[in-house]
Amino acid sequence: ATPPTYTPCQVRRHNHAASAWLVCGTDIYDVTPFLKSHPGGKNSMLRRAGGVADCTEDMKMHSRAAVKMWKGSRIGTLCACSGKDAGGSTTGNNKNDKMFECVIS
């Protein structure tokens, strides 16, 4: 089955302890269950929650076990906001990428 897609507008709403989603490239992870047990503390994850930062580099510094756990929490894929011209890059890694600009704040 194809994973659900979410716009940056939708991801942005999940930036708190009750619902924390992280973006890694175009993959979206629900890390809410791991906030209390994260060795770096919940704030290290909450600072990046809601798609405010691409966590690709963060993934590289974690152990294999942590990455496996993180990948198990994948809930979907980032897609372009339908209200904008999707004429930009499709990577989602560039914060200035027009494809991932939102019309809803």
C-alpha atoms as a PDB file:
ATOM      1  CA  ALA A   1       0.000   0.000   0.000  1.00  0.00           C
ATOM      2  CA  THR A   2       1.130   3.505  -0.772  1.00  0.00           C
ATOM      3  CA  PRO A   3       1.864   5.539   2.363  1.00  0.00           C
ATOM      4  CA  PRO A   4      -0.320   8.592   2.953  1.00  0.00           C
ATOM      5  CA  THR A   5       0.962  11.962   1.781  1.00  0.00           C
ATOM      6  CA  TYR A   6       0.941  15.141   3.847  1.00  0.00           C
ATOM      7  CA  THR A   7       1.617  18.744   2.901  1.00  0.00           C
ATOM      8  CA  PRO A   8       4.027  20.889   4.898  1.00  0.00           C
ATOM      9  CA  CYS A   9       0.930  22.726   6.186  1.00  0.00           C
ATOM     10  CA  GLN A  10      -0.387  19.492   7.688  1.00  0.00           C
ATOM     11  CA  VAL A  11       2.985  18.458   9.118  1.00  0.00           C
ATOM     12  CA  ARG A  12       3.489  21.872  10.735  1.00  0.00           C
ATOM     13  CA  ARG A  13       0.538  21.218  13.066  1.00  0.00           C
ATOM     14  CA  HIS A  14       2.405  18.309  14.712  1.00  0.00           C
ATOM     15  CA  ASN A  15       5.001  20.304  16.612  1.00  0.00           C
ATOM     16  CA  HIS A  16       4.192  19.607  20.266  1.00  0.00           C
ATOM     17  CA  ALA A  17       4.530  16.874  22.891  1.00  0.00           C
ATOM     18  CA  ALA A  18       1.065  15.453  22.181  1.00  0.00           C
ATOM     19  CA  SER A  19       1.904  14.968  18.487  1.00  0.00           C
ATOM     20  CA  ALA A  20       5.457  15.307  17.175  1.00  0.00           C
ATOM     21  CA  TRP A  21       6.236  14.583  13.524  1.00  0.00           C
ATOM     22  CA  LEU A  22       9.722  14.828  12.031  1.00  0.00           C
ATOM     23  CA  VAL A  23      10.649  15.184   8.367  1.00  0.00           C
ATOM     24  CA  CYS A  24      13.659  13.383   6.931  1.00  0.00           C
ATOM     25  CA  GLY A  25      13.975  14.176   3.231  1.00  0.00           C
ATOM     26  CA  THR A  26      10.437  13.495   2.035  1.00  0.00           C
ATOM     27  CA  ASP A  27       9.663  10.872   4.707  1.00  0.00           C
ATOM     28  CA  ILE A  28       7.511  11.780   7.710  1.00  0.00           C
ATOM     29  CA  TYR A  29       7.869  10.089  11.098  1.00  0.00           C
ATOM     30  CA  ASP A  30       5.606  10.218  14.148  1.00  0.00           C
ATOM     31  CA  VAL A  31       8.105  10.308  17.016  1.00  0.00           C
ATOM     32  CA  THR A  32       5.591  11.131  19.745  1.00  0.00           C
ATOM     33  CA  PRO A  33       6.044   7.760  21.518  1.00  0.00           C
ATOM     34  CA  PHE A  34       9.828   8.309  21.735  1.00  0.00           C
ATOM     35  CA  LEU A  35       9.838  11.801  23.255  1.00  0.00           C
ATOM     36  CA  LYS A  36      10.063  10.676  26.887  1.00  0.00           C
ATOM     37  CA  SER A  37      12.768   8.066  26.256  1.00  0.00           C
ATOM     38  CA  HIS A  38      15.002  10.023  23.856  1.00  0.00           C
ATOM     39  CA  PRO A  39      18.535  10.217  25.315  1.00  0.00           C
ATOM     40  CA  GLY A  40      18.886  13.833  24.140  1.00  0.00           C
ATOM     41  CA  GLY A  41      15.654  14.809  25.854  1.00  0.00           C
ATOM     42  CA  LYS A  42      12.284  15.557  24.341  1.00  0.00           C
ATOM     43  CA  ASN A  43      13.189  19.161  23.533  1.00  0.00           C
ATOM     44  CA  SER A  44      15.885  18.038  21.103  1.00  0.00           C
ATOM     45  CA  MET A  45      13.141  16.400  19.042  1.00  0.00           C
ATOM     46  CA  LEU A  46      10.469  19.045  19.619  1.00  0.00           C
ATOM     47  CA  ARG A  47      12.787  21.762  18.245  1.00  0.00           C
ATOM     48  CA  ARG A  48      12.625  19.964  14.889  1.00  0.00           C
ATOM     49  CA  ALA A  49       9.020  18.766  15.087  1.00  0.00           C
ATOM     50  CA  GLY A  50       6.463  19.989  12.612  1.00  0.00           C
ATOM     51  CA  GLY A  51       8.882  19.942   9.705  1.00  0.00           C
ATOM     52  CA  VAL A  52      10.781  23.079  10.740  1.00  0.00           C
ATOM     53  CA  ALA A  53      14.016  21.270   9.893  1.00  0.00           C
ATOM     54  CA  ASP A  54      15.020  18.352   7.701  1.00  0.00           C
ATOM     55  CA  CYS A  55      16.325  15.621  10.008  1.00  0.00           C
ATOM     56  CA  THR A  56      18.346  13.732   7.378  1.00  0.00           C
ATOM     57  CA  GLU A  57      21.633  14.689   9.056  1.00  0.00           C
ATOM     58  CA  ASP A  58      20.252  13.741  12.480  1.00  0.00           C
ATOM     59  CA  MET A  59      19.474  10.263  11.173  1.00  0.00           C
ATOM     60  CA  LYS A  60      23.180   9.759  10.365  1.00  0.00           C
ATOM     61  CA  MET A  61      24.350  10.303  13.961  1.00  0.00           C
ATOM     62  CA  HIS A  62      22.033   7.701  15.506  1.00  0.00           C
ATOM     63  CA  SER A  63      22.843   4.056  16.165  1.00  0.00           C
ATOM     64  CA  ARG A  64      21.524   1.381  13.805  1.00  0.00           C
ATOM     65  CA  ALA A  65      19.008   0.335  16.450  1.00  0.00           C
ATOM     66  CA  ALA A  66      17.746   3.908  16.790  1.00  0.00           C
ATOM     67  CA  VAL A  67      17.477   4.327  13.014  1.00  0.00           C
ATOM     68  CA  LYS A  68      15.551   1.054  12.770  1.00  0.00           C
ATOM     69  CA  MET A  69      13.184   2.252  15.503  1.00  0.00           C
ATOM     70  CA  TRP A  70      12.829   5.625  13.821  1.00  0.00           C
ATOM     71  CA  LYS A  71      12.107   4.059  10.417  1.00  0.00           C
ATOM     72  CA  GLY A  72       9.423   1.939  12.062  1.00  0.00           C
ATOM     73  CA  SER A  73       7.599   5.134  12.965  1.00  0.00           C
ATOM     74  CA  ARG A  74       7.309   6.317   9.329  1.00  0.00           C
ATOM     75  CA  ILE A  75       3.762   7.458   8.686  1.00  0.00           C
ATOM     76  CA  GLY A  76       3.881   9.037   5.245  1.00  0.00           C
ATOM     77  CA  THR A  77       5.522  11.141   2.578  1.00  0.00           C
ATOM     78  CA  LEU A  78       5.803  14.889   2.164  1.00  0.00           C
ATOM     79  CA  CYS A  79       4.027  16.279  -0.892  1.00  0.00           C
ATOM     80  CA  ALA A  80       3.571  19.698  -2.424  1.00  0.00           C
ATOM     81  CA  CYS A  81       0.900  22.000  -1.118  1.00  0.00           C
ATOM     82  CA  SER A  82      -1.809  21.895  -3.776  1.00  0.00           C
ATOM     83  CA  GLY A  83      -2.368  25.638  -3.576  1.00  0.00           C
ATOM     84  CA  LYS A  84       1.056  26.494  -4.986  1.00  0.00           C
ATOM     85  CA  ASP A  85       2.719  26.017  -8.332  1.00  0.00           C
ATOM     86  CA  ALA A  86       4.665  22.765  -8.003  1.00  0.00           C
ATOM     87  CA  GLY A  87       7.490  24.029 -10.180  1.00  0.00           C
ATOM     88  CA  GLY A  88      10.341  23.568  -7.733  1.00  0.00           C
ATOM     89  CA  SER A  89      12.620  20.744  -6.784  1.00  0.00           C
ATOM     90  CA  THR A  90      11.064  17.556  -5.448  1.00  0.00           C
ATOM     91  CA  THR A  91      13.666  16.843  -2.788  1.00  0.00           C
ATOM     92  CA  GLY A  92      12.121  18.818   0.046  1.00  0.00           C
ATOM     93  CA  ASN A  93      15.629  19.367   1.428  1.00  0.00           C
ATOM     94  CA  ASN A  94      15.914  23.036   0.469  1.00  0.00           C
ATOM     95  CA  LYS A  95      13.929  25.260   2.804  1.00  0.00           C
ATOM     96  CA  ASN A  96      13.460  27.739  -0.040  1.00  0.00           C
ATOM     97  CA  ASP A  97      12.041  25.062  -2.303  1.00  0.00           C
ATOM     98  CA  LYS A  98       8.887  26.514  -3.916  1.00  0.00           C
ATOM     99  CA  MET A  99       7.279  23.085  -4.208  1.00  0.00           C
ATOM    100  CA  PHE A 100       7.047  22.814  -0.438  1.00  0.00           C
ATOM    101  CA  GLU A 101       5.764  26.319   0.288  1.00  0.00           C
ATOM    102  CA  CYS A 102       2.368  26.374   1.910  1.00  0.00           C
ATOM    103  CA  VAL A 103      -0.590  28.594   1.363  1.00  0.00           C
ATOM    104  CA  ILE A 104      -1.943  27.851   4.833  1.00  0.00           C
ATOM    105  CA  SER A 105      -0.054  28.904   7.915  1.00  0.00           C
END
